[in-house]
Amino acid sequence: MAAVPLAALAAGYTAFLFGQAEGRDLWQSPTLLWDLLAQAMMAGGGALLIVAQFAGLEPDAVGVFAGAFVVGTVAHLVLLAVEFGGRHASAGAAVAARVAVRGRY
């Protein structure tokens, strides 16, 4: 169980590092920490669901992994909608979001 707080700390530190990257306006978002935590939950839950198929874990453990995957995925989708549908702190971030949603990407 020590992996859970370590994963949260790694996601938080990554958000801090991305926040230092002044050349990427979308990384200056106030939701970046929460989005990286949601992504960590989503990726961790999904990876553990795959491992659980081969490890023969208890159904309760598989339920926890599935719950983490679903909660992380829903949280990530909500945060994406907020990020790309809301206002942005700078003109560069607004352009980057518009290109990502409606542009060539």
C-alpha atoms as a PDB file:
ATOM      1  CA  MET A   1       0.000   0.000   0.000  1.00  0.00           C
ATOM      2  CA  ALA A   2       3.009   2.310   0.135  1.00  0.00           C
ATOM      3  CA  ALA A   3       2.754   2.585  -3.646  1.00  0.00           C
ATOM      4  CA  VAL A   4      -0.417   4.716  -3.461  1.00  0.00           C
ATOM      5  CA  PRO A   5       1.062   7.700  -1.596  1.00  0.00           C
ATOM      6  CA  LEU A   6       4.298   7.379  -3.569  1.00  0.00           C
ATOM      7  CA  ALA A   7       2.350   7.505  -6.839  1.00  0.00           C
ATOM      8  CA  ALA A   8       0.447  10.576  -5.613  1.00  0.00           C
ATOM      9  CA  LEU A   9       3.705  12.254  -4.628  1.00  0.00           C
ATOM     10  CA  ALA A  10       5.249  11.437  -8.016  1.00  0.00           C
ATOM     11  CA  ALA A  11       2.219  12.911  -9.806  1.00  0.00           C
ATOM     12  CA  GLY A  12       2.356  16.002  -7.598  1.00  0.00           C
ATOM     13  CA  TYR A  13       6.068  16.476  -8.217  1.00  0.00           C
ATOM     14  CA  THR A  14       5.494  16.074 -11.961  1.00  0.00           C
ATOM     15  CA  ALA A  15       2.812  18.785 -11.798  1.00  0.00           C
ATOM     16  CA  PHE A  16       5.306  21.025  -9.995  1.00  0.00           C
ATOM     17  CA  LEU A  17       7.938  20.395 -12.681  1.00  0.00           C
ATOM     18  CA  PHE A  18       5.476  20.975 -15.525  1.00  0.00           C
ATOM     19  CA  GLY A  19       4.403  24.182 -13.809  1.00  0.00           C
ATOM     20  CA  GLN A  20       7.981  25.406 -14.090  1.00  0.00           C
ATOM     21  CA  ALA A  21       7.940  24.947 -17.886  1.00  0.00           C
ATOM     22  CA  GLU A  22       7.113  28.496 -18.916  1.00  0.00           C
ATOM     23  CA  GLY A  23       7.067  27.607 -22.626  1.00  0.00           C
ATOM     24  CA  ARG A  24       3.977  25.393 -22.285  1.00  0.00           C
ATOM     25  CA  ASP A  25       0.985  27.531 -21.404  1.00  0.00           C
ATOM     26  CA  LEU A  26      -1.400  24.614 -20.937  1.00  0.00           C
ATOM     27  CA  TRP A  27       0.884  23.301 -18.182  1.00  0.00           C
ATOM     28  CA  GLN A  28       0.257  26.506 -16.222  1.00  0.00           C
ATOM     29  CA  SER A  29      -3.323  25.410 -15.510  1.00  0.00           C
ATOM     30  CA  PRO A  30      -4.530  25.367 -11.895  1.00  0.00           C
ATOM     31  CA  THR A  31      -6.115  21.954 -12.600  1.00  0.00           C
ATOM     32  CA  LEU A  32      -2.811  20.339 -13.640  1.00  0.00           C
ATOM     33  CA  LEU A  33      -2.149  18.686 -10.267  1.00  0.00           C
ATOM     34  CA  TRP A  34      -5.659  17.245 -10.109  1.00  0.00           C
ATOM     35  CA  ASP A  35      -5.495  16.038 -13.692  1.00  0.00           C
ATOM     36  CA  LEU A  36      -2.166  14.278 -13.117  1.00  0.00           C
ATOM     37  CA  LEU A  37      -3.544  12.653  -9.957  1.00  0.00           C
ATOM     38  CA  ALA A  38      -6.595  11.473 -11.928  1.00  0.00           C
ATOM     39  CA  GLN A  39      -4.338  10.149 -14.688  1.00  0.00           C
ATOM     40  CA  ALA A  40      -2.201   8.306 -12.130  1.00  0.00           C
ATOM     41  CA  MET A  41      -5.318   6.713 -10.634  1.00  0.00           C
ATOM     42  CA  MET A  42      -6.628   5.804 -14.083  1.00  0.00           C
ATOM     43  CA  ALA A  43      -3.321   4.320 -15.291  1.00  0.00           C
ATOM     44  CA  GLY A  44      -2.603   2.530 -12.017  1.00  0.00           C
ATOM     45  CA  GLY A  45      -6.075   1.043 -11.793  1.00  0.00           C
ATOM     46  CA  GLY A  46      -5.959  -0.087 -15.421  1.00  0.00           C
ATOM     47  CA  ALA A  47      -2.506  -1.623 -15.079  1.00  0.00           C
ATOM     48  CA  LEU A  48      -3.487  -3.446 -11.901  1.00  0.00           C
ATOM     49  CA  LEU A  49      -6.636  -4.768 -13.590  1.00  0.00           C
ATOM     50  CA  ILE A  50      -4.436  -6.345 -16.245  1.00  0.00           C
ATOM     51  CA  VAL A  51      -2.071  -7.795 -13.648  1.00  0.00           C
ATOM     52  CA  ALA A  52      -5.018  -9.100 -11.616  1.00  0.00           C
ATOM     53  CA  GLN A  53      -6.104 -11.294 -14.538  1.00  0.00           C
ATOM     54  CA  PHE A  54      -2.836 -13.211 -14.337  1.00  0.00           C
ATOM     55  CA  ALA A  55      -2.205 -13.066 -10.592  1.00  0.00           C
ATOM     56  CA  GLY A  56      -5.445 -14.686  -9.444  1.00  0.00           C
ATOM     57  CA  LEU A  57      -6.284 -11.968  -6.940  1.00  0.00           C
ATOM     58  CA  GLU A  58      -9.366 -11.866  -4.763  1.00  0.00           C
ATOM     59  CA  PRO A  59     -12.526 -10.396  -6.328  1.00  0.00           C
ATOM     60  CA  ASP A  60     -12.517  -7.630  -3.708  1.00  0.00           C
ATOM     61  CA  ALA A  61      -9.085  -6.459  -4.870  1.00  0.00           C
ATOM     62  CA  VAL A  62     -10.190  -6.534  -8.501  1.00  0.00           C
ATOM     63  CA  GLY A  63     -13.217  -4.434  -7.501  1.00  0.00           C
ATOM     64  CA  VAL A  64     -10.964  -1.838  -5.880  1.00  0.00           C
ATOM     65  CA  PHE A  65      -8.787  -1.689  -9.009  1.00  0.00           C
ATOM     66  CA  ALA A  66     -11.858  -1.362 -11.252  1.00  0.00           C
ATOM     67  CA  GLY A  67     -13.233   1.381  -9.021  1.00  0.00           C
ATOM     68  CA  ALA A  68      -9.947   3.282  -9.131  1.00  0.00           C
ATOM     69  CA  PHE A  69      -9.853   2.945 -12.918  1.00  0.00           C
ATOM     70  CA  VAL A  70     -13.429   4.203 -13.344  1.00  0.00           C
ATOM     71  CA  VAL A  71     -13.084   7.075 -10.859  1.00  0.00           C
ATOM     72  CA  GLY A  72      -9.760   8.139 -12.381  1.00  0.00           C
ATOM     73  CA  THR A  73     -11.155   7.991 -15.917  1.00  0.00           C
ATOM     74  CA  VAL A  74     -14.267  10.002 -15.068  1.00  0.00           C
ATOM     75  CA  ALA A  75     -12.236  12.575 -13.140  1.00  0.00           C
ATOM     76  CA  HIS A  76      -9.794  12.892 -16.038  1.00  0.00           C
ATOM     77  CA  LEU A  77     -12.604  13.395 -18.560  1.00  0.00           C
ATOM     78  CA  VAL A  78     -14.247  16.030 -16.366  1.00  0.00           C
ATOM     79  CA  LEU A  79     -10.944  17.852 -15.933  1.00  0.00           C
ATOM     80  CA  LEU A  80     -10.312  17.704 -19.691  1.00  0.00           C
ATOM     81  CA  ALA A  81     -13.722  19.244 -20.318  1.00  0.00           C
ATOM     82  CA  VAL A  82     -12.961  21.995 -17.809  1.00  0.00           C
ATOM     83  CA  GLU A  83      -9.506  22.578 -19.268  1.00  0.00           C
ATOM     84  CA  PHE A  84     -10.466  22.688 -22.919  1.00  0.00           C
ATOM     85  CA  GLY A  85     -13.916  24.198 -22.502  1.00  0.00           C
ATOM     86  CA  GLY A  86     -13.204  26.894 -19.946  1.00  0.00           C
ATOM     87  CA  ARG A  87     -11.277  30.120 -19.840  1.00  0.00           C
ATOM     88  CA  HIS A  88      -7.519  30.180 -19.959  1.00  0.00           C
ATOM     89  CA  ALA A  89      -5.004  32.232 -18.046  1.00  0.00           C
ATOM     90  CA  SER A  90      -3.164  33.400 -21.157  1.00  0.00           C
ATOM     91  CA  ALA A  91      -3.726  33.911 -24.861  1.00  0.00           C
ATOM     92  CA  GLY A  92      -1.155  31.206 -25.594  1.00  0.00           C
ATOM     93  CA  ALA A  93      -3.068  28.657 -23.531  1.00  0.00           C
ATOM     94  CA  ALA A  94      -6.308  29.590 -25.293  1.00  0.00           C
ATOM     95  CA  VAL A  95      -4.680  29.105 -28.699  1.00  0.00           C
ATOM     96  CA  ALA A  96      -3.152  25.783 -27.634  1.00  0.00           C
ATOM     97  CA  ALA A  97      -6.506  24.504 -26.346  1.00  0.00           C
ATOM     98  CA  ARG A  98      -8.283  25.633 -29.521  1.00  0.00           C
ATOM     99  CA  VAL A  99      -5.682  23.890 -31.702  1.00  0.00           C
ATOM    100  CA  ALA A 100      -5.930  20.708 -29.630  1.00  0.00           C
ATOM    101  CA  VAL A 101      -9.738  20.611 -29.807  1.00  0.00           C
ATOM    102  CA  ARG A 102     -10.574  22.106 -33.184  1.00  0.00           C
ATOM    103  CA  GLY A 103      -7.235  22.398 -34.964  1.00  0.00           C
ATOM    104  CA  ARG A 104      -5.049  19.922 -36.736  1.00  0.00           C
ATOM    105  CA  TYR A 105      -4.440  17.886 -33.565  1.00  0.00           C
END
